[in-house]
PDB file of N, CA and C in Angstrom:
ATOM      1  N   MET A   1     -22.930  -1.947  11.697  1.00  0.00           N
ATOM      2  CA  MET A   1     -21.776  -2.761  12.031  1.00  0.00           C
ATOM      3  C   MET A   1     -20.494  -2.110  11.497  1.00  0.00           C
ATOM      4  N   VAL A   2     -20.484  -1.762  10.214  1.00  0.00           N
ATOM      5  CA  VAL A   2     -19.304  -1.134   9.614  1.00  0.00           C
ATOM      6  C   VAL A   2     -19.014   0.187  10.318  1.00  0.00           C
ATOM      7  N   ALA A   3     -20.044   0.966  10.552  1.00  0.00           N
ATOM      8  CA  ALA A   3     -19.884   2.277  11.178  1.00  0.00           C
ATOM      9  C   ALA A   3     -19.213   2.145  12.542  1.00  0.00           C
ATOM     10  N   TYR A   4     -19.731   1.234  13.355  1.00  0.00           N
ATOM     11  CA  TYR A   4     -19.185   1.028  14.702  1.00  0.00           C
ATOM     12  C   TYR A   4     -17.724   0.606  14.631  1.00  0.00           C
ATOM     13  N   ARG A   5     -17.421  -0.325  13.723  1.00  0.00           N
ATOM     14  CA  ARG A   5     -16.054  -0.859  13.660  1.00  0.00           C
ATOM     15  C   ARG A   5     -15.060   0.182  13.152  1.00  0.00           C
ATOM     16  N   ILE A   6     -15.459   1.003  12.201  1.00  0.00           N
ATOM     17  CA  ILE A   6     -14.550   2.049  11.725  1.00  0.00           C
ATOM     18  C   ILE A   6     -14.224   3.007  12.869  1.00  0.00           C
ATOM     19  N   LYS A   7     -15.255   3.436  13.578  1.00  0.00           N
ATOM     20  CA  LYS A   7     -15.027   4.372  14.688  1.00  0.00           C
ATOM     21  C   LYS A   7     -14.166   3.734  15.768  1.00  0.00           C
ATOM     22  N   MET A   8     -14.454   2.492  16.121  1.00  0.00           N
ATOM     23  CA  MET A   8     -13.700   1.796  17.160  1.00  0.00           C
ATOM     24  C   MET A   8     -12.224   1.680  16.761  1.00  0.00           C
ATOM     25  N   LEU A   9     -11.966   1.258  15.540  1.00  0.00           N
ATOM     26  CA  LEU A   9     -10.584   1.084  15.084  1.00  0.00           C
ATOM     27  C   LEU A   9      -9.852   2.416  14.988  1.00  0.00           C
ATOM     28  N   ARG A  10     -10.563   3.452  14.533  1.00  0.00           N
ATOM     29  CA  ARG A  10      -9.951   4.782  14.446  1.00  0.00           C
ATOM     30  C   ARG A  10      -9.545   5.274  15.824  1.00  0.00           C
ATOM     31  N   GLU A  11     -10.451   5.122  16.775  1.00  0.00           N
ATOM     32  CA  GLU A  11     -10.167   5.585  18.135  1.00  0.00           C
ATOM     33  C   GLU A  11      -9.044   4.767  18.768  1.00  0.00           C
ATOM     34  N   GLN A  12      -9.042   3.455  18.543  1.00  0.00           N
ATOM     35  CA  GLN A  12      -7.966   2.609  19.081  1.00  0.00           C
ATOM     36  C   GLN A  12      -6.609   3.012  18.507  1.00  0.00           C
ATOM     37  N   ALA A  13      -6.623   3.470  17.271  1.00  0.00           N
ATOM     38  CA  ALA A  13      -5.377   3.904  16.629  1.00  0.00           C
ATOM     39  C   ALA A  13      -4.985   5.323  17.036  1.00  0.00           C
ATOM     40  N   GLY A  14      -5.849   5.973  17.802  1.00  0.00           N
ATOM     41  CA  GLY A  14      -5.556   7.334  18.253  1.00  0.00           C
ATOM     42  C   GLY A  14      -5.636   8.368  17.143  1.00  0.00           C
ATOM     43  N   LEU A  15      -6.488   8.104  16.162  1.00  0.00           N
ATOM     44  CA  LEU A  15      -6.641   9.020  15.037  1.00  0.00           C
ATOM     45  C   LEU A  15      -7.916   9.843  15.177  1.00  0.00           C
ATOM     46  N   THR A  16      -7.846  11.086  14.759  1.00  0.00           N
ATOM     47  CA  THR A  16      -9.057  11.893  14.643  1.00  0.00           C
ATOM     48  C   THR A  16      -9.715  11.539  13.316  1.00  0.00           C
ATOM     49  N   GLN A  17     -10.943  11.981  13.144  1.00  0.00           N
ATOM     50  CA  GLN A  17     -11.597  11.793  11.857  1.00  0.00           C
ATOM     51  C   GLN A  17     -10.811  12.495  10.754  1.00  0.00           C
ATOM     52  N   SER A  18     -10.287  13.665  11.060  1.00  0.00           N
ATOM     53  CA  SER A  18      -9.499  14.419  10.071  1.00  0.00           C
ATOM     54  C   SER A  18      -8.231  13.676   9.689  1.00  0.00           C
ATOM     55  N   ALA A  19      -7.564  13.082  10.677  1.00  0.00           N
ATOM     56  CA  ALA A  19      -6.322  12.353  10.399  1.00  0.00           C
ATOM     57  C   ALA A  19      -6.597  11.119   9.539  1.00  0.00           C
ATOM     58  N   LEU A  20      -7.673  10.407   9.862  1.00  0.00           N
ATOM     59  CA  LEU A  20      -8.028   9.243   9.059  1.00  0.00           C
ATOM     60  C   LEU A  20      -8.398   9.672   7.639  1.00  0.00           C
ATOM     61  N   ALA A  21      -9.155  10.731   7.538  1.00  0.00           N
ATOM     62  CA  ALA A  21      -9.550  11.240   6.221  1.00  0.00           C
ATOM     63  C   ALA A  21      -8.324  11.588   5.384  1.00  0.00           C
ATOM     64  N   LYS A  22      -7.345  12.213   6.006  1.00  0.00           N
ATOM     65  CA  LYS A  22      -6.134  12.594   5.290  1.00  0.00           C
ATOM     66  C   LYS A  22      -5.388  11.360   4.792  1.00  0.00           C
ATOM     67  N   LYS A  23      -5.302  10.314   5.621  1.00  0.00           N
ATOM     68  CA  LYS A  23      -4.619   9.075   5.213  1.00  0.00           C
ATOM     69  C   LYS A  23      -5.310   8.421   4.017  1.00  0.00           C
ATOM     70  N   LEU A  24      -6.626   8.563   3.957  1.00  0.00           N
ATOM     71  CA  LEU A  24      -7.402   7.913   2.896  1.00  0.00           C
ATOM     72  C   LEU A  24      -7.704   8.835   1.720  1.00  0.00           C
ATOM     73  N   CYS A  25      -7.293  10.093   1.837  1.00  0.00           N
ATOM     74  CA  CYS A  25      -7.570  11.100   0.798  1.00  0.00           C
ATOM     75  C   CYS A  25      -9.071  11.281   0.574  1.00  0.00           C
ATOM     76  N   VAL A  26      -9.797  11.365   1.682  1.00  0.00           N
ATOM     77  CA  VAL A  26     -11.231  11.666   1.652  1.00  0.00           C
ATOM     78  C   VAL A  26     -11.470  12.840   2.594  1.00  0.00           C
ATOM     79  N   THR A  27     -12.698  13.325   2.636  1.00  0.00           N
ATOM     80  CA  THR A  27     -13.003  14.438   3.535  1.00  0.00           C
ATOM     81  C   THR A  27     -13.331  13.931   4.934  1.00  0.00           C
ATOM     82  N   ARG A  28     -13.166  14.823   5.904  1.00  0.00           N
ATOM     83  CA  ARG A  28     -13.523  14.475   7.275  1.00  0.00           C
ATOM     84  C   ARG A  28     -15.017  14.172   7.359  1.00  0.00           C
ATOM     85  N   SER A  29     -15.821  14.929   6.621  1.00  0.00           N
ATOM     86  CA  SER A  29     -17.265  14.693   6.648  1.00  0.00           C
ATOM     87  C   SER A  29     -17.607  13.327   6.050  1.00  0.00           C
ATOM     88  N   GLY A  30     -16.786  12.850   5.119  1.00  0.00           N
ATOM     89  CA  GLY A  30     -16.979  11.497   4.573  1.00  0.00           C
ATOM     90  C   GLY A  30     -16.751  10.441   5.643  1.00  0.00           C
ATOM     91  N   VAL A  31     -15.676  10.590   6.401  1.00  0.00           N
ATOM     92  CA  VAL A  31     -15.396   9.661   7.507  1.00  0.00           C
ATOM     93  C   VAL A  31     -16.512   9.744   8.542  1.00  0.00           C
ATOM     94  N   ASN A  32     -16.943  10.952   8.851  1.00  0.00           N
ATOM     95  CA  ASN A  32     -18.033  11.134   9.805  1.00  0.00           C
ATOM     96  C   ASN A  32     -19.303  10.420   9.336  1.00  0.00           C
ATOM     97  N   ALA A  33     -19.607  10.520   8.052  1.00  0.00           N
ATOM     98  CA  ALA A  33     -20.793   9.860   7.498  1.00  0.00           C
ATOM     99  C   ALA A  33     -20.672   8.338   7.605  1.00  0.00           C
ATOM    100  N   TRP A  34     -19.469   7.803   7.393  1.00  0.00           N
ATOM    101  CA  TRP A  34     -19.260   6.355   7.566  1.00  0.00           C
ATOM    102  C   TRP A  34     -19.537   5.954   9.003  1.00  0.00           C
ATOM    103  N   GLU A  35     -18.993   6.737   9.942  1.00  0.00           N
ATOM    104  CA  GLU A  35     -19.115   6.391  11.359  1.00  0.00           C
ATOM    105  C   GLU A  35     -20.539   6.557  11.888  1.00  0.00           C
ATOM    106  N   LEU A  36     -21.306   7.425  11.268  1.00  0.00           N
ATOM    107  CA  LEU A  36     -22.702   7.602  11.678  1.00  0.00           C
ATOM    108  C   LEU A  36     -23.642   6.643  10.947  1.00  0.00           C
ATOM    109  N   GLY A  37     -23.103   5.930   9.982  1.00  0.00           N
ATOM    110  CA  GLY A  37     -23.926   5.010   9.208  1.00  0.00           C
ATOM    111  C   GLY A  37     -24.771   5.690   8.153  1.00  0.00           C
ATOM    112  N   ILE A  38     -24.449   6.918   7.852  1.00  0.00           N
ATOM    113  CA  ILE A  38     -25.175   7.659   6.820  1.00  0.00           C
ATOM    114  C   ILE A  38     -24.783   7.134   5.439  1.00  0.00           C
ATOM    115  N   SER A  39     -23.516   6.772   5.306  1.00  0.00           N
ATOM    116  CA  SER A  39     -23.032   6.167   4.066  1.00  0.00           C
ATOM    117  C   SER A  39     -22.081   5.035   4.421  1.00  0.00           C
ATOM    118  N   VAL A  40     -21.760   4.246   3.416  1.00  0.00           N
ATOM    119  CA  VAL A  40     -20.876   3.093   3.597  1.00  0.00           C
ATOM    120  C   VAL A  40     -19.678   3.287   2.680  1.00  0.00           C
ATOM    121  N   PRO A  41     -18.471   3.003   3.171  1.00  0.00           N
ATOM    122  CA  PRO A  41     -17.305   3.151   2.306  1.00  0.00           C
ATOM    123  C   PRO A  41     -17.392   2.233   1.090  1.00  0.00           C
ATOM    124  N   SER A  42     -16.836   2.688  -0.005  1.00  0.00           N
ATOM    125  CA  SER A  42     -16.771   1.849  -1.204  1.00  0.00           C
ATOM    126  C   SER A  42     -15.843   0.665  -0.929  1.00  0.00           C
ATOM    127  N   THR A  43     -15.887  -0.296  -1.815  1.00  0.00           N
ATOM    128  CA  THR A  43     -15.031  -1.474  -1.686  1.00  0.00           C
ATOM    129  C   THR A  43     -13.570  -1.059  -1.568  1.00  0.00           C
ATOM    130  N   GLN A  44     -13.153  -0.098  -2.349  1.00  0.00           N
ATOM    131  CA  GLN A  44     -11.774   0.391  -2.307  1.00  0.00           C
ATOM    132  C   GLN A  44     -11.402   0.838  -0.899  1.00  0.00           C
ATOM    133  N   PHE A  45     -12.296   1.590  -0.254  1.00  0.00           N
ATOM    134  CA  PHE A  45     -11.977   2.108   1.076  1.00  0.00           C
ATOM    135  C   PHE A  45     -12.110   1.036   2.152  1.00  0.00           C
ATOM    136  N   ILE A  46     -12.984   0.067   1.954  1.00  0.00           N
ATOM    137  CA  ILE A  46     -13.043  -1.057   2.900  1.00  0.00           C
ATOM    138  C   ILE A  46     -11.688  -1.764   2.918  1.00  0.00           C
ATOM    139  N   VAL A  47     -11.135  -2.000   1.735  1.00  0.00           N
ATOM    140  CA  VAL A  47      -9.823  -2.650   1.635  1.00  0.00           C
ATOM    141  C   VAL A  47      -8.741  -1.767   2.261  1.00  0.00           C
ATOM    142  N   GLU A  48      -8.755  -0.475   1.954  1.00  0.00           N
ATOM    143  CA  GLU A  48      -7.755   0.437   2.515  1.00  0.00           C
ATOM    144  C   GLU A  48      -7.853   0.512   4.040  1.00  0.00           C
ATOM    145  N   LEU A  49      -9.071   0.549   4.562  1.00  0.00           N
ATOM    146  CA  LEU A  49      -9.258   0.571   6.015  1.00  0.00           C
ATOM    147  C   LEU A  49      -8.737  -0.714   6.652  1.00  0.00           C
ATOM    148  N   ALA A  50      -9.027  -1.839   6.028  1.00  0.00           N
ATOM    149  CA  ALA A  50      -8.564  -3.131   6.554  1.00  0.00           C
ATOM    150  C   ALA A  50      -7.037  -3.170   6.596  1.00  0.00           C
ATOM    151  N   LEU A  51      -6.401  -2.706   5.535  1.00  0.00           N
ATOM    152  CA  LEU A  51      -4.935  -2.682   5.511  1.00  0.00           C
ATOM    153  C   LEU A  51      -4.380  -1.717   6.549  1.00  0.00           C
ATOM    154  N   LEU A  52      -4.980  -0.558   6.652  1.00  0.00           N
ATOM    155  CA  LEU A  52      -4.522   0.460   7.593  1.00  0.00           C
ATOM    156  C   LEU A  52      -4.618  -0.026   9.039  1.00  0.00           C
ATOM    157  N   PHE A  53      -5.728  -0.680   9.362  1.00  0.00           N
ATOM    158  CA  PHE A  53      -5.950  -1.101  10.749  1.00  0.00           C
ATOM    159  C   PHE A  53      -5.542  -2.552  11.019  1.00  0.00           C
ATOM    160  N   HIS A  54      -4.993  -3.208  10.006  1.00  0.00           N
ATOM    161  CA  HIS A  54      -4.512  -4.595  10.149  1.00  0.00           C
ATOM    162  C   HIS A  54      -5.623  -5.536  10.610  1.00  0.00           C
ATOM    163  N   VAL A  55      -6.761  -5.429   9.950  1.00  0.00           N
ATOM    164  CA  VAL A  55      -7.893  -6.331  10.193  1.00  0.00           C
ATOM    165  C   VAL A  55      -8.362  -6.853   8.837  1.00  0.00           C
ATOM    166  N   SER A  56      -9.209  -7.858   8.864  1.00  0.00           N
ATOM    167  CA  SER A  56      -9.748  -8.381   7.604  1.00  0.00           C
ATOM    168  C   SER A  56     -10.936  -7.536   7.151  1.00  0.00           C
ATOM    169  N   THR A  57     -11.199  -7.600   5.870  1.00  0.00           N
ATOM    170  CA  THR A  57     -12.387  -6.919   5.361  1.00  0.00           C
ATOM    171  C   THR A  57     -13.638  -7.571   5.946  1.00  0.00           C
ATOM    172  N   ASP A  58     -13.590  -8.878   6.170  1.00  0.00           N
ATOM    173  CA  ASP A  58     -14.721  -9.560   6.799  1.00  0.00           C
ATOM    174  C   ASP A  58     -15.008  -8.969   8.175  1.00  0.00           C
ATOM    175  N   PHE A  59     -13.964  -8.697   8.944  1.00  0.00           N
ATOM    176  CA  PHE A  59     -14.157  -8.101  10.264  1.00  0.00           C
ATOM    177  C   PHE A  59     -14.848  -6.750  10.140  1.00  0.00           C
ATOM    178  N   LEU A  60     -14.345  -5.923   9.231  1.00  0.00           N
ATOM    179  CA  LEU A  60     -14.948  -4.594   9.048  1.00  0.00           C
ATOM    180  C   LEU A  60     -16.417  -4.695   8.668  1.00  0.00           C
ATOM    181  N   LEU A  61     -16.740  -5.671   7.828  1.00  0.00           N
ATOM    182  CA  LEU A  61     -18.113  -5.812   7.337  1.00  0.00           C
ATOM    183  C   LEU A  61     -19.011  -6.589   8.294  1.00  0.00           C
ATOM    184  N   GLY A  62     -18.424  -7.138   9.344  1.00  0.00           N
ATOM    185  CA  GLY A  62     -19.222  -7.882  10.314  1.00  0.00           C
ATOM    186  C   GLY A  62     -19.612  -9.268   9.839  1.00  0.00           C
ATOM    187  N   VAL A  63     -18.823  -9.808   8.911  1.00  0.00           N
ATOM    188  CA  VAL A  63     -19.108 -11.150   8.402  1.00  0.00           C
ATOM    189  C   VAL A  63     -18.661 -12.167   9.438  1.00  0.00           C
ATOM    190  N   GLU A  64     -19.509 -13.148   9.662  1.00  0.00           N
ATOM    191  CA  GLU A  64     -19.190 -14.201  10.622  1.00  0.00           C
ATOM    192  C   GLU A  64     -17.879 -14.860  10.223  1.00  0.00           C
ATOM    193  N   GLN A  65     -17.037 -15.079  11.219  1.00  0.00           N
ATOM    194  CA  GLN A  65     -15.745 -15.695  10.951  1.00  0.00           C
ATOM    195  C   GLN A  65     -15.938 -17.151  10.548  1.00  0.00           C
ATOM    196  N   THR A  66     -15.301 -17.532   9.481  1.00  0.00           N
ATOM    197  CA  THR A  66     -15.359 -18.913   9.025  1.00  0.00           C
ATOM    198  C   THR A  66     -13.945 -19.411   8.792  1.00  0.00           C
ATOM    199  N   ASP A  67     -13.793 -20.705   8.874  1.00  0.00           N
ATOM    200  CA  ASP A  67     -12.505 -21.308   8.576  1.00  0.00           C
ATOM    201  C   ASP A  67     -12.468 -21.658   7.100  1.00  0.00           C
ATOM    202  N   SER A  68     -11.286 -21.630   6.545  1.00  0.00           N
ATOM    203  CA  SER A  68     -11.152 -21.995   5.139  1.00  0.00           C
ATOM    204  C   SER A  68      -9.850 -22.759   4.945  1.00  0.00           C
ATOM    205  N   ILE A  69      -9.818 -23.515   3.883  1.00  0.00           N
ATOM    206  CA  ILE A  69      -8.600 -24.219   3.515  1.00  0.00           C
ATOM    207  C   ILE A  69      -8.298 -23.899   2.062  1.00  0.00           C
ATOM    208  N   SER A  70      -7.037 -23.864   1.739  1.00  0.00           N
ATOM    209  CA  SER A  70      -6.641 -23.587   0.369  1.00  0.00           C
ATOM    210  C   SER A  70      -6.663 -24.885  -0.434  1.00  0.00           C
ATOM    211  N   LEU A  71      -7.277 -24.819  -1.589  1.00  0.00           N
ATOM    212  CA  LEU A  71      -7.305 -25.967  -2.495  1.00  0.00           C
ATOM    213  C   LEU A  71      -6.310 -25.767  -3.635  1.00  0.00           C
ATOM    214  N   GLN A  72      -5.457 -24.776  -3.470  1.00  0.00           N
ATOM    215  CA  GLN A  72      -4.465 -24.469  -4.495  1.00  0.00           C
ATOM    216  C   GLN A  72      -3.566 -25.679  -4.710  1.00  0.00           C
ATOM    217  N   GLY A  73      -3.314 -26.003  -5.951  1.00  0.00           N
ATOM    218  CA  GLY A  73      -2.446 -27.119  -6.284  1.00  0.00           C
ATOM    219  C   GLY A  73      -3.175 -28.436  -6.431  1.00  0.00           C
ATOM    220  N   LEU A  74      -4.470 -28.462  -6.110  1.00  0.00           N
ATOM    221  CA  LEU A  74      -5.252 -29.683  -6.261  1.00  0.00           C
ATOM    222  C   LEU A  74      -5.931 -29.680  -7.620  1.00  0.00           C
ATOM    223  N   ASP A  75      -6.020 -30.849  -8.206  1.00  0.00           N
ATOM    224  CA  ASP A  75      -6.746 -30.917  -9.478  1.00  0.00           C
ATOM    225  C   ASP A  75      -8.230 -31.088  -9.194  1.00  0.00           C
ATOM    226  N   GLU A  76      -9.023 -31.099 -10.233  1.00  0.00           N
ATOM    227  CA  GLU A  76     -10.478 -31.146 -10.090  1.00  0.00           C
ATOM    228  C   GLU A  76     -10.941 -32.393  -9.327  1.00  0.00           C
ATOM    229  N   ALA A  77     -10.313 -33.522  -9.592  1.00  0.00           N
ATOM    230  CA  ALA A  77     -10.692 -34.766  -8.904  1.00  0.00           C
ATOM    231  C   ALA A  77     -10.397 -34.663  -7.406  1.00  0.00           C
ATOM    232  N   ASP A  78      -9.259 -34.067  -7.052  1.00  0.00           N
ATOM    233  CA  ASP A  78      -8.906 -33.892  -5.640  1.00  0.00           C
ATOM    234  C   ASP A  78      -9.900 -32.967  -4.936  1.00  0.00           C
ATOM    235  N   VAL A  79     -10.289 -31.903  -5.612  1.00  0.00           N
ATOM    236  CA  VAL A  79     -11.254 -30.969  -5.039  1.00  0.00           C
ATOM    237  C   VAL A  79     -12.574 -31.673  -4.777  1.00  0.00           C
ATOM    238  N   LEU A  80     -13.009 -32.522  -5.689  1.00  0.00           N
ATOM    239  CA  LEU A  80     -14.248 -33.284  -5.488  1.00  0.00           C
ATOM    240  C   LEU A  80     -14.145 -34.204  -4.279  1.00  0.00           C
ATOM    241  N   VAL A  81     -12.990 -34.834  -4.087  1.00  0.00           N
ATOM    242  CA  VAL A  81     -12.779 -35.697  -2.919  1.00  0.00           C
ATOM    243  C   VAL A  81     -12.905 -34.878  -1.635  1.00  0.00           C
ATOM    244  N   VAL A  82     -12.281 -33.706  -1.604  1.00  0.00           N
ATOM    245  CA  VAL A  82     -12.356 -32.837  -0.418  1.00  0.00           C
ATOM    246  C   VAL A  82     -13.799 -32.421  -0.163  1.00  0.00           C
ATOM    247  N   GLN A  83     -14.527 -32.039  -1.213  1.00  0.00           N
ATOM    248  CA  GLN A  83     -15.927 -31.646  -1.053  1.00  0.00           C
ATOM    249  C   GLN A  83     -16.759 -32.790  -0.497  1.00  0.00           C
ATOM    250  N   LYS A  84     -16.556 -34.000  -0.999  1.00  0.00           N
ATOM    251  CA  LYS A  84     -17.301 -35.165  -0.514  1.00  0.00           C
ATOM    252  C   LYS A  84     -16.980 -35.444   0.951  1.00  0.00           C
ATOM    253  N   LEU A  85     -15.713 -35.302   1.324  1.00  0.00           N
ATOM    254  CA  LEU A  85     -15.316 -35.524   2.712  1.00  0.00           C
ATOM    255  C   LEU A  85     -15.998 -34.511   3.630  1.00  0.00           C
ATOM    256  N   VAL A  86     -16.015 -33.261   3.226  1.00  0.00           N
ATOM    257  CA  VAL A  86     -16.661 -32.215   4.025  1.00  0.00           C
ATOM    258  C   VAL A  86     -18.156 -32.514   4.166  1.00  0.00           C
ATOM    259  N   GLU A  87     -18.806 -32.882   3.082  1.00  0.00           N
ATOM    260  CA  GLU A  87     -20.231 -33.227   3.130  1.00  0.00           C
ATOM    261  C   GLU A  87     -20.469 -34.398   4.067  1.00  0.00           C
ATOM    262  N   HIS A  88     -19.622 -35.423   3.995  1.00  0.00           N
ATOM    263  CA  HIS A  88     -19.745 -36.593   4.870  1.00  0.00           C
ATOM    264  C   HIS A  88     -19.613 -36.191   6.342  1.00  0.00           C
ATOM    265  N   LEU A  89     -18.616 -35.379   6.656  1.00  0.00           N
ATOM    266  CA  LEU A  89     -18.395 -34.970   8.046  1.00  0.00           C
ATOM    267  C   LEU A  89     -19.534 -34.099   8.565  1.00  0.00           C
ATOM    268  N   ARG A  90     -20.052 -33.219   7.727  1.00  0.00           N
ATOM    269  CA  ARG A  90     -21.195 -32.392   8.155  1.00  0.00           C
ATOM    270  C   ARG A  90     -22.411 -33.265   8.442  1.00  0.00           C
ATOM    271  N   ALA A  91     -22.688 -34.212   7.555  1.00  0.00           N
ATOM    272  CA  ALA A  91     -23.838 -35.102   7.745  1.00  0.00           C
ATOM    273  C   ALA A  91     -23.666 -35.923   9.015  1.00  0.00           C
ATOM    274  N   LYS A  92     -22.467 -36.408   9.247  1.00  0.00           N
ATOM    275  CA  LYS A  92     -22.185 -37.208  10.447  1.00  0.00           C
ATOM    276  C   LYS A  92     -22.415 -36.375  11.717  1.00  0.00           C
ATOM    277  N   ASN A  93     -21.989 -35.139  11.692  1.00  0.00           N
ATOM    278  CA  ASN A  93     -22.125 -34.277  12.867  1.00  0.00           C
ATOM    279  C   ASN A  93     -23.529 -33.761  13.089  1.00  0.00           C
ATOM    280  N   GLU A  94     -24.379 -33.821  12.066  1.00  0.00           N
ATOM    281  CA  GLU A  94     -25.754 -33.374  12.206  1.00  0.00           C
ATOM    282  C   GLU A  94     -26.656 -34.457  12.793  1.00  0.00           C
ATOM    283  N   LYS A  95     -26.224 -35.705  12.723  1.00  0.00           N
ATOM    284  CA  LYS A  95     -27.029 -36.809  13.250  1.00  0.00           C
ATOM    285  C   LYS A  95     -27.067 -36.728  14.761  1.00  0.00           C
ATOM    286  N   PRO A  96     -28.248 -36.920  15.343  1.00  0.00           N
ATOM    287  CA  PRO A  96     -28.317 -36.916  16.805  1.00  0.00           C
ATOM    288  C   PRO A  96     -27.588 -38.131  17.369  1.00  0.00           C
ATOM    289  N   GLU A  97     -26.922 -37.916  18.493  1.00  0.00           N
ATOM    290  CA  GLU A  97     -26.208 -39.022  19.121  1.00  0.00           C
ATOM    291  C   GLU A  97     -27.203 -39.962  19.775  1.00  0.00           C
ATOM    292  N   PRO A  98     -26.900 -41.282  19.753  1.00  0.00           N
ATOM    293  CA  PRO A  98     -27.795 -42.247  20.387  1.00  0.00           C
ATOM    294  C   PRO A  98     -27.888 -42.002  21.892  1.00  0.00           C
ATOM    295  N   VAL A  99     -29.068 -42.273  22.433  1.00  0.00           N
ATOM    296  CA  VAL A  99     -29.303 -42.045  23.865  1.00  0.00           C
ATOM    297  C   VAL A  99     -28.916 -43.251  24.663  1.00  0.00           C
TER     298      VAL A  99
END
């Protein structure tokens, strides 16, 4: 998954393996190994690739897209209320509808 996405993004950006390697300060053979799936970029390079190609690290890693909400500014009691609400809504949506 990572290999395919790196190659796809590099090609969409019109970069050669050498050009991408130069931007990341790695060797062309290193980029080639990533694209062939022989090796996987370190966390540092996953982040650098995501920034360079304007994608999320989740996208590069093939992580299923999920929605999230920020709980910043909420106290512990508020966070518990939000968690309970989410649990309630999930349980409600899992119940089969009456026939």
